[in-house]
Amino acid sequence: MKKILTSILSLGLAASAALAADTITAVKVSDVTDANAWAKAKFSSVTLYPQTAVHMNDKKANAANADDKAKKADVAALYDGKNIALMVKWADGTKSVQGAYSSDTYSDGFAVQFAGATKGSHALPYIGMGSDGRPVVVHLQKATEKVYEPNGNKDVSTQVNRNQTALFGKELADYDAKVASLAKTDYERVFVAEGFRSLTEIKDGSVKSNAAMAYANNGWTGTITRALKDDYVNLKGTVPVAIAVWDGDKMGRNGLKNLSSWVAVNLEGMKPDTKVVAEITEESKGNAEKGKAAVDANGCAGCHQITSKDAPSFMGPSLANVGGYSTVAYLRESILKPSAVVVPGYNRNAHSNTPWYTIEKGKRISAMTDFSFLDKKTVEDIVAYLKTLKAEVE
């Protein structure tokens, strides 16, 4: 995949004339690992919003990202009957690479999240780490320097400092070349999760995938290729995916990122899953102005930060960009069933008397009021208002 990505860049394939859409067509090709296949790809523009539901306990990082705007990424997909491949292109004026021996540098990176396989039909998982009974699989790629020790290959003869060897001249050059050939330059991880605090790396090799990143012309190109079916996913018809990117120059890591809502990737030549497409593309039928009045009347701002200009609140997740990366279905569920997804909390700076949740019979129960007593029209109005809460695009 690394060589393939280099070939793609050398071919000068650009995400020109990308169309903004909630759906992407994965073009059917004979082999997704063929760099030339990307010439057939159809790019779409996907908006990635600053993730504000989880607040970092890092004053400097929070200040650096306080005025973040949404980013545009151009995304395309291919599939060949056995594998699916996605390409993500996004602008980044600074190339940030994780230092091998530094704890205060942060890397650029990207991730692609897939909705995991479940028994029966369910609403899509929460966009951040999935939800109980609705798993997600996350492929993460970071930009890193070459890292030799430890590389996991048990190369004892070369696990010494070059200054401590008895080698000189050409022998030392040969030794350095051997060490360089053993070095790892790739930071690729695959995780499975069913909600916050459940993120688990898959290390048994059961997921066959490959990811890569390349920087050129003040921007990154990232690719991810994985099997259509394994122990964790069964991708067919319509594939729900979400995209996230990190900016290392602004100390981005963990939840400090930009992310998209769910995007429907329709596999060319296969019957789309109309239910999934409908959930992803659903537009609110409520009245946003009336929804704002309902939000004010029900005291939502007492616990939630409604816009980025409000004073920070640690009594509930910020809603500043919830309209950008949330589907209408998720917002509706959050109002009627607040315990379906419990965002991590409470923040360590919050008062101990205002926890975000309690534990009952081993499950987290949200401290948020259950608003199931609201009439259907009022709920739809609130959803319409929440969908307006999102940052401008840079």
Protein backbone atom coordinates (compact mmCIF):
# COMPACT_ATOMS: atom_id res chain seq x y z
CA MET A 1 0.00 0.00 0.00
CA LYS A 2 2.86 2.42 0.74
CA LYS A 3 4.31 1.91 -2.75
CA ILE A 4 0.84 2.13 -4.27
CA LEU A 5 0.21 5.49 -2.59
CA THR A 6 3.53 6.80 -3.90
CA SER A 7 2.53 5.68 -7.38
CA ILE A 8 -0.81 7.43 -7.05
CA LEU A 9 0.86 10.71 -6.13
CA SER A 10 3.34 10.41 -8.98
CA LEU A 11 0.42 9.96 -11.38
CA GLY A 12 -0.92 13.30 -10.22
CA LEU A 13 -4.43 12.04 -9.54
CA ALA A 14 -6.32 14.91 -7.99
CA ALA A 15 -9.66 15.15 -6.24
CA SER A 16 -10.90 17.72 -8.72
CA ALA A 17 -14.55 18.61 -9.14
CA ALA A 18 -15.46 16.85 -5.90
CA LEU A 19 -19.20 16.93 -5.25
CA ALA A 20 -20.67 17.61 -1.83
CA ALA A 21 -22.91 14.71 -0.84
CA ASP A 22 -24.00 12.41 1.98
CA THR A 23 -23.37 9.46 -0.32
CA ILE A 24 -20.33 8.23 -2.22
CA THR A 25 -20.18 5.68 -5.01
CA ALA A 26 -17.55 2.97 -4.56
CA VAL A 27 -16.53 2.22 -8.15
CA LYS A 28 -16.23 -1.47 -9.04
CA VAL A 29 -12.71 -2.33 -10.27
CA SER A 30 -10.84 -5.57 -10.82
CA ASP A 31 -8.20 -4.89 -8.15
CA VAL A 32 -8.23 -2.12 -5.53
CA THR A 33 -4.48 -2.53 -4.97
CA ASP A 34 -3.76 -1.36 -8.54
CA ALA A 35 -2.75 2.31 -8.35
CA ASN A 36 -4.15 2.94 -11.82
CA ALA A 37 -7.63 1.96 -10.60
CA TRP A 38 -7.94 5.30 -8.78
CA ALA A 39 -8.22 7.06 -12.13
CA LYS A 40 -11.80 5.72 -12.21
CA ALA A 41 -12.67 7.02 -8.72
CA LYS A 42 -15.44 9.55 -8.13
CA PHE A 43 -14.56 12.05 -5.40
CA SER A 44 -17.10 13.68 -3.10
CA SER A 45 -16.57 16.50 -0.64
CA VAL A 46 -17.16 15.55 2.99
CA THR A 47 -17.22 18.12 5.80
CA LEU A 48 -15.33 17.35 9.02
CA TYR A 49 -16.34 19.28 12.12
CA PRO A 50 -14.33 20.02 15.29
CA GLN A 51 -15.20 17.35 17.84
CA THR A 52 -16.51 19.22 20.88
CA ALA A 53 -18.49 16.57 22.78
CA VAL A 54 -15.36 15.42 24.61
CA HIS A 55 -13.34 18.13 26.37
CA MET A 56 -9.56 17.69 26.67
CA ASN A 57 -7.96 18.41 30.03
CA ASP A 58 -5.15 20.33 28.31
CA LYS A 59 -5.35 24.11 28.57
CA LYS A 60 -2.76 24.78 25.87
CA ALA A 61 -4.31 22.38 23.37
CA ASN A 62 -7.82 23.67 24.03
CA ALA A 63 -6.65 27.25 23.48
CA ALA A 64 -4.94 26.28 20.21
CA ASN A 65 -8.20 24.81 18.91
CA ALA A 66 -10.71 27.21 20.44
CA ASP A 67 -11.61 28.84 17.13
CA ASP A 68 -11.34 25.78 14.88
CA LYS A 69 -13.51 25.72 11.82
CA ALA A 70 -14.81 22.77 9.84
CA LYS A 71 -12.57 21.23 7.19
CA LYS A 72 -13.37 19.84 3.75
CA ALA A 73 -12.00 16.47 2.72
CA ASP A 74 -12.32 14.88 -0.70
CA VAL A 75 -13.20 11.20 -0.41
CA ALA A 76 -13.44 8.42 -2.99
CA ALA A 77 -13.91 4.66 -2.78
CA LEU A 78 -13.22 1.55 -4.85
CA TYR A 79 -14.10 -2.11 -4.36
CA ASP A 80 -13.29 -5.32 -6.18
CA GLY A 81 -15.67 -7.88 -4.70
CA LYS A 82 -13.32 -8.88 -1.89
CA ASN A 83 -11.89 -5.59 -0.65
CA ILE A 84 -12.89 -1.97 -0.29
CA ALA A 85 -10.48 0.99 -0.50
CA LEU A 86 -11.00 4.61 0.48
CA MET A 87 -8.88 7.63 -0.36
CA VAL A 88 -9.09 10.80 1.75
CA LYS A 89 -7.47 14.12 0.75
CA TRP A 90 -7.38 17.13 3.07
CA ALA A 91 -5.46 20.39 3.29
CA ASP A 92 -2.90 20.89 6.07
CA GLY A 93 -0.37 23.70 5.84
CA THR A 94 2.02 22.07 8.31
CA LYS A 95 3.43 18.56 8.09
CA SER A 96 3.52 17.15 11.63
CA VAL A 97 5.26 13.85 12.23
CA GLN A 98 5.43 12.03 15.55
CA GLY A 99 8.97 12.06 16.94
CA ALA A 100 10.46 8.71 17.84
CA TYR A 101 11.96 9.88 21.11
CA SER A 102 9.72 12.77 22.06
CA SER A 103 6.70 12.90 24.33
CA ASP A 104 5.64 16.43 23.42
CA THR A 105 5.23 16.19 19.65
CA TYR A 106 2.02 15.19 17.96
CA SER A 107 1.39 13.80 14.51
CA ASP A 108 -1.07 14.42 11.74
CA GLY A 109 -3.28 11.44 11.14
CA PHE A 110 -6.58 10.16 9.84
CA ALA A 111 -9.07 7.43 10.61
CA VAL A 112 -11.88 5.67 8.81
CA GLN A 113 -14.67 4.18 10.91
CA PHE A 114 -16.98 1.41 9.70
CA ALA A 115 -20.23 0.31 11.28
CA GLY A 116 -19.67 -3.19 12.63
CA ALA A 117 -21.74 -6.29 11.93
CA THR A 118 -24.71 -6.92 14.23
CA LYS A 119 -27.45 -9.48 14.51
CA GLY A 120 -30.67 -7.95 13.30
CA SER A 121 -31.37 -4.42 12.16
CA HIS A 122 -30.26 -1.51 14.33
CA ALA A 123 -29.89 2.22 14.07
CA LEU A 124 -26.37 3.32 13.21
CA PRO A 125 -23.84 3.43 16.07
CA TYR A 126 -22.90 6.70 17.74
CA ILE A 127 -20.41 8.54 15.54
CA GLY A 128 -17.80 8.53 18.32
CA MET A 129 -16.67 5.00 19.20
CA GLY A 130 -20.02 3.32 18.56
CA SER A 131 -22.58 2.41 21.19
CA ASP A 132 -23.70 -0.56 23.28
CA GLY A 133 -24.74 -3.38 20.96
CA ARG A 134 -23.81 -1.31 17.89
CA PRO A 135 -20.06 -1.78 17.34
CA VAL A 136 -17.70 0.12 15.09
CA VAL A 137 -14.31 -0.76 13.61
CA VAL A 138 -11.79 2.08 13.44
CA HIS A 139 -8.71 2.12 11.20
CA LEU A 140 -6.18 4.69 12.44
CA GLN A 141 -3.09 5.89 10.58
CA LYS A 142 -0.56 8.39 11.95
CA ALA A 143 2.44 10.10 10.39
CA THR A 144 5.54 8.85 12.20
CA GLU A 145 9.32 8.87 11.90
CA LYS A 146 11.29 5.68 11.46
CA VAL A 147 11.35 3.80 14.74
CA TYR A 148 13.87 0.99 15.20
CA GLU A 149 13.71 -0.09 18.83
CA PRO A 150 11.65 -1.94 19.67
CA ASN A 151 10.54 -3.27 16.32
CA GLY A 152 9.29 -6.61 17.58
CA ASN A 153 11.57 -8.67 15.34
CA LYS A 154 14.05 -9.72 18.05
CA ASP A 155 17.05 -8.47 16.03
CA VAL A 156 19.42 -8.68 18.98
CA SER A 157 22.59 -8.17 16.96
CA THR A 158 21.52 -4.71 15.86
CA GLN A 159 19.80 -3.50 19.02
CA VAL A 160 22.76 -1.39 20.14
CA ASN A 161 23.68 2.27 19.72
CA ARG A 162 25.84 2.90 16.63
CA ASN A 163 28.33 4.75 18.86
CA GLN A 164 28.81 1.62 20.94
CA THR A 165 29.79 -0.63 18.06
CA ALA A 166 33.34 -1.56 17.06
CA LEU A 167 32.57 -0.71 13.47
CA PHE A 168 34.17 2.03 11.34
CA GLY A 169 33.99 3.35 7.81
CA LYS A 170 32.15 1.15 5.37
CA GLU A 171 31.36 -1.44 8.06
CA LEU A 172 29.54 1.22 10.09
CA ALA A 173 27.71 2.46 6.99
CA ASP A 174 26.61 -1.10 6.24
CA TYR A 175 25.49 -1.51 9.85
CA ASP A 176 23.46 1.72 9.69
CA ALA A 177 21.85 0.58 6.45
CA LYS A 178 20.86 -2.73 8.04
CA VAL A 179 19.33 -0.94 11.04
CA ALA A 180 17.42 1.41 8.73
CA SER A 181 16.03 -1.54 6.77
CA LEU A 182 14.66 -3.05 9.98
CA ALA A 183 13.05 0.17 11.15
CA LYS A 184 9.30 0.60 11.26
CA THR A 185 7.93 3.67 9.53
CA ASP A 186 4.28 2.81 9.82
CA TYR A 187 1.81 3.57 12.60
CA GLU A 188 -1.35 1.72 11.65
CA ARG A 189 -3.82 0.40 14.18
CA VAL A 190 -7.26 -1.22 14.00
CA PHE A 191 -9.73 -1.02 16.87
CA VAL A 192 -13.19 -2.29 17.73
CA ALA A 193 -15.50 -0.44 20.09
CA GLU A 194 -19.05 -0.43 21.43
CA GLY A 195 -19.03 2.99 23.04
CA PHE A 196 -16.58 5.19 24.90
CA ARG A 197 -14.13 3.40 27.21
CA SER A 198 -14.46 0.18 25.20
CA LEU A 199 -11.91 0.90 22.45
CA THR A 200 -9.84 -2.27 21.99
CA GLU A 201 -7.01 -2.83 19.53
CA ILE A 202 -7.36 -5.88 17.29
CA LYS A 203 -3.97 -7.61 17.41
CA ASP A 204 -4.67 -11.18 16.34
CA GLY A 205 -4.39 -10.54 12.60
CA SER A 206 -8.05 -11.28 12.00
CA VAL A 207 -8.50 -7.94 10.21
CA LYS A 208 -6.71 -7.78 6.87
CA SER A 209 -6.08 -4.14 6.08
CA ASN A 210 -3.47 -1.65 4.94
CA ALA A 211 -3.29 2.11 5.35
CA ALA A 212 -0.84 4.83 4.33
CA MET A 213 -0.35 8.60 4.31
CA ALA A 214 1.64 10.85 1.98
CA TYR A 215 2.20 14.62 2.19
CA ALA A 216 2.45 16.89 -0.86
CA ASN A 217 1.29 20.37 -1.94
CA ASN A 218 0.29 21.44 1.59
CA GLY A 219 -2.01 18.52 2.12
CA TRP A 220 -2.28 14.86 2.98
CA THR A 221 -3.53 11.91 0.99
CA GLY A 222 -4.54 8.90 3.04
CA THR A 223 -5.66 5.49 1.87
CA ILE A 224 -7.15 2.53 3.65
CA THR A 225 -7.86 -0.89 2.17
CA ARG A 226 -9.64 -3.65 4.04
CA ALA A 227 -11.65 -6.84 3.44
CA LEU A 228 -15.37 -6.48 2.83
CA LYS A 229 -16.08 -9.24 5.32
CA ASP A 230 -14.36 -10.58 8.42
CA ASP A 231 -15.18 -11.27 12.07
CA TYR A 232 -16.14 -7.64 12.65
CA VAL A 233 -17.83 -6.30 9.49
CA ASN A 234 -19.97 -7.53 6.63
CA LEU A 235 -19.89 -4.74 4.06
CA LYS A 236 -22.37 -4.98 1.22
CA GLY A 237 -24.79 -2.75 -0.65
CA THR A 238 -24.34 0.41 1.40
CA VAL A 239 -21.32 0.85 3.67
CA PRO A 240 -21.63 3.49 6.43
CA VAL A 241 -18.28 5.19 7.05
CA ALA A 242 -17.06 8.20 9.03
CA ILE A 243 -13.82 10.12 8.52
CA ALA A 244 -11.62 11.84 11.12
CA VAL A 245 -8.39 13.83 10.79
CA TRP A 246 -5.91 15.11 13.37
CA ASP A 247 -3.68 18.20 13.18
CA GLY A 248 -0.46 17.55 15.07
CA ASP A 249 0.65 21.17 14.79
CA LYS A 250 -2.30 22.08 17.02
CA MET A 251 -1.62 19.24 19.48
CA GLY A 252 -4.41 17.14 18.02
CA ARG A 253 -4.80 13.64 19.45
CA ASN A 254 -7.50 11.41 20.90
CA GLY A 255 -10.78 13.35 20.86
CA LEU A 256 -9.17 16.59 19.66
CA LYS A 257 -9.92 16.09 15.97
CA ASN A 258 -12.26 16.94 13.10
CA LEU A 259 -14.79 14.29 12.14
CA SER A 260 -17.61 13.76 9.70
CA SER A 261 -21.07 12.43 10.22
CA TRP A 262 -21.89 9.03 8.77
CA VAL A 263 -21.48 8.87 5.00
CA ALA A 264 -23.18 6.23 2.85
CA VAL A 265 -20.77 4.48 0.48
CA ASN A 266 -22.85 2.65 -2.12
CA LEU A 267 -21.08 -0.25 -3.81
CA GLU A 268 -21.51 0.14 -7.55
CA GLY A 269 -23.59 -2.62 -9.08
CA MET A 270 -25.04 -3.76 -5.75
CA LYS A 271 -28.47 -2.96 -4.35
CA PRO A 272 -28.19 -0.04 -1.88
CA ASP A 273 -29.48 -0.49 1.65
CA THR A 274 -32.31 2.02 1.44
CA LYS A 275 -32.85 2.02 5.20
CA VAL A 276 -29.22 2.95 5.91
CA VAL A 277 -29.17 5.59 3.17
CA ALA A 278 -32.41 7.07 4.51
CA GLU A 279 -31.01 7.29 8.05
CA ILE A 280 -27.80 8.97 6.91
CA THR A 281 -29.46 11.44 4.54
CA GLU A 282 -32.57 12.23 6.60
CA GLU A 283 -33.26 15.94 6.96
CA SER A 284 -35.11 17.39 9.90
CA LYS A 285 -38.71 18.34 9.24
CA GLY A 286 -38.97 20.52 12.33
CA ASN A 287 -38.85 24.28 12.79
CA ALA A 288 -35.41 25.39 14.01
CA GLU A 289 -36.66 28.69 15.44
CA LYS A 290 -39.31 26.93 17.52
CA GLY A 291 -36.70 24.34 18.45
CA LYS A 292 -34.42 27.01 19.90
CA ALA A 293 -37.32 28.31 21.97
CA ALA A 294 -37.95 24.78 23.25
CA VAL A 295 -34.28 24.33 24.11
CA ASP A 296 -34.32 27.59 26.07
CA ALA A 297 -37.58 26.71 27.80
CA ASN A 298 -36.29 23.31 28.91
CA GLY A 299 -33.05 24.71 30.32
CA CYS A 300 -30.66 22.75 28.08
CA ALA A 301 -28.01 25.47 28.38
CA GLY A 302 -27.87 24.79 32.12
CA CYS A 303 -25.82 21.67 31.40
CA HIS A 304 -24.70 21.95 27.78
CA GLN A 305 -22.54 24.45 25.97
CA ILE A 306 -24.88 25.35 23.12
CA THR A 307 -22.45 27.35 20.97
CA SER A 308 -18.68 27.79 21.04
CA LYS A 309 -19.19 31.35 22.30
CA ASP A 310 -20.92 30.23 25.48
CA ALA A 311 -18.97 29.76 28.66
CA PRO A 312 -17.54 26.23 28.94
CA SER A 313 -19.73 23.85 30.87
CA PHE A 314 -18.68 20.59 32.47
CA MET A 315 -22.14 19.41 33.44
CA GLY A 316 -22.81 17.86 30.03
CA PRO A 317 -21.20 17.40 26.61
CA SER A 318 -20.80 20.50 24.45
CA LEU A 319 -23.32 20.75 21.64
CA ALA A 320 -21.30 23.36 19.72
CA ASN A 321 -20.85 21.14 16.64
CA VAL A 322 -23.40 18.43 17.29
CA GLY A 323 -25.35 19.38 14.17
CA GLY A 324 -22.33 18.81 11.98
CA TYR A 325 -21.36 15.27 12.92
CA SER A 326 -24.70 13.89 14.11
CA THR A 327 -27.52 12.36 12.12
CA VAL A 328 -31.12 13.39 12.69
CA ALA A 329 -31.82 9.90 14.02
CA TYR A 330 -29.06 10.16 16.63
CA LEU A 331 -30.21 13.58 17.85
CA ARG A 332 -33.77 12.30 18.16
CA GLU A 333 -32.58 9.24 20.10
CA SER A 334 -30.47 11.42 22.42
CA ILE A 335 -33.51 13.48 23.38
CA LEU A 336 -35.83 10.54 23.95
CA LYS A 337 -33.30 7.97 25.26
CA PRO A 338 -30.33 9.87 26.73
CA SER A 339 -28.79 6.71 28.20
CA ALA A 340 -28.50 4.99 24.81
CA VAL A 341 -25.12 6.71 24.39
CA VAL A 342 -23.25 8.20 27.34
CA VAL A 343 -20.37 10.48 26.39
CA PRO A 344 -17.39 10.26 28.80
CA GLY A 345 -17.56 12.42 31.87
CA TYR A 346 -17.63 13.97 34.03
CA ASN A 347 -14.64 16.20 33.29
CA ARG A 348 -12.08 16.02 36.08
CA ASN A 349 -12.48 19.77 36.59
CA ALA A 350 -16.20 19.47 37.25
CA HIS A 351 -17.77 19.49 40.68
CA SER A 352 -18.21 16.02 42.15
CA ASN A 353 -21.89 16.76 42.77
CA THR A 354 -22.58 17.09 39.04
CA PRO A 355 -21.60 13.75 37.45
CA TRP A 356 -22.73 13.11 33.89
CA TYR A 357 -23.97 9.63 34.72
CA THR A 358 -24.57 7.08 37.45
CA ILE A 359 -23.98 3.32 37.43
CA GLU A 360 -27.04 1.10 37.76
CA LYS A 361 -26.74 -2.67 37.43
CA GLY A 362 -23.40 -2.26 35.68
CA LYS A 363 -24.72 0.20 33.08
CA ARG A 364 -24.12 3.93 32.77
CA ILE A 365 -27.31 5.92 33.16
CA SER A 366 -27.18 9.47 31.88
CA ALA A 367 -27.91 12.30 34.30
CA MET A 368 -29.80 14.01 31.48
CA THR A 369 -33.57 14.27 31.84
CA ASP A 370 -35.55 11.81 29.76
CA PHE A 371 -37.54 14.09 27.46
CA SER A 372 -39.86 11.37 26.19
CA PHE A 373 -42.73 13.40 27.65
CA LEU A 374 -42.30 15.98 24.87
CA ASP A 375 -44.72 15.80 21.96
CA LYS A 376 -43.38 14.57 18.61
CA LYS A 377 -43.51 18.01 16.96
CA THR A 378 -41.47 19.65 19.73
CA VAL A 379 -38.84 16.91 19.50
CA GLU A 380 -38.55 17.44 15.76
CA ASP A 381 -38.25 21.19 16.27
CA ILE A 382 -35.42 20.68 18.77
CA VAL A 383 -33.67 18.32 16.35
CA ALA A 384 -33.99 20.93 13.60
CA TYR A 385 -32.36 23.53 15.85
CA LEU A 386 -29.57 21.19 16.95
CA LYS A 387 -28.76 20.48 13.29
CA THR A 388 -27.93 24.19 12.90
CA LEU A 389 -25.22 23.99 15.56
CA LYS A 390 -21.99 23.61 13.59
CA ALA A 391 -18.86 25.56 12.75
CA GLU A 392 -18.30 27.38 9.50
CA VAL A 393 -16.04 25.75 6.94
CA GLU A 394 -12.52 27.22 6.80
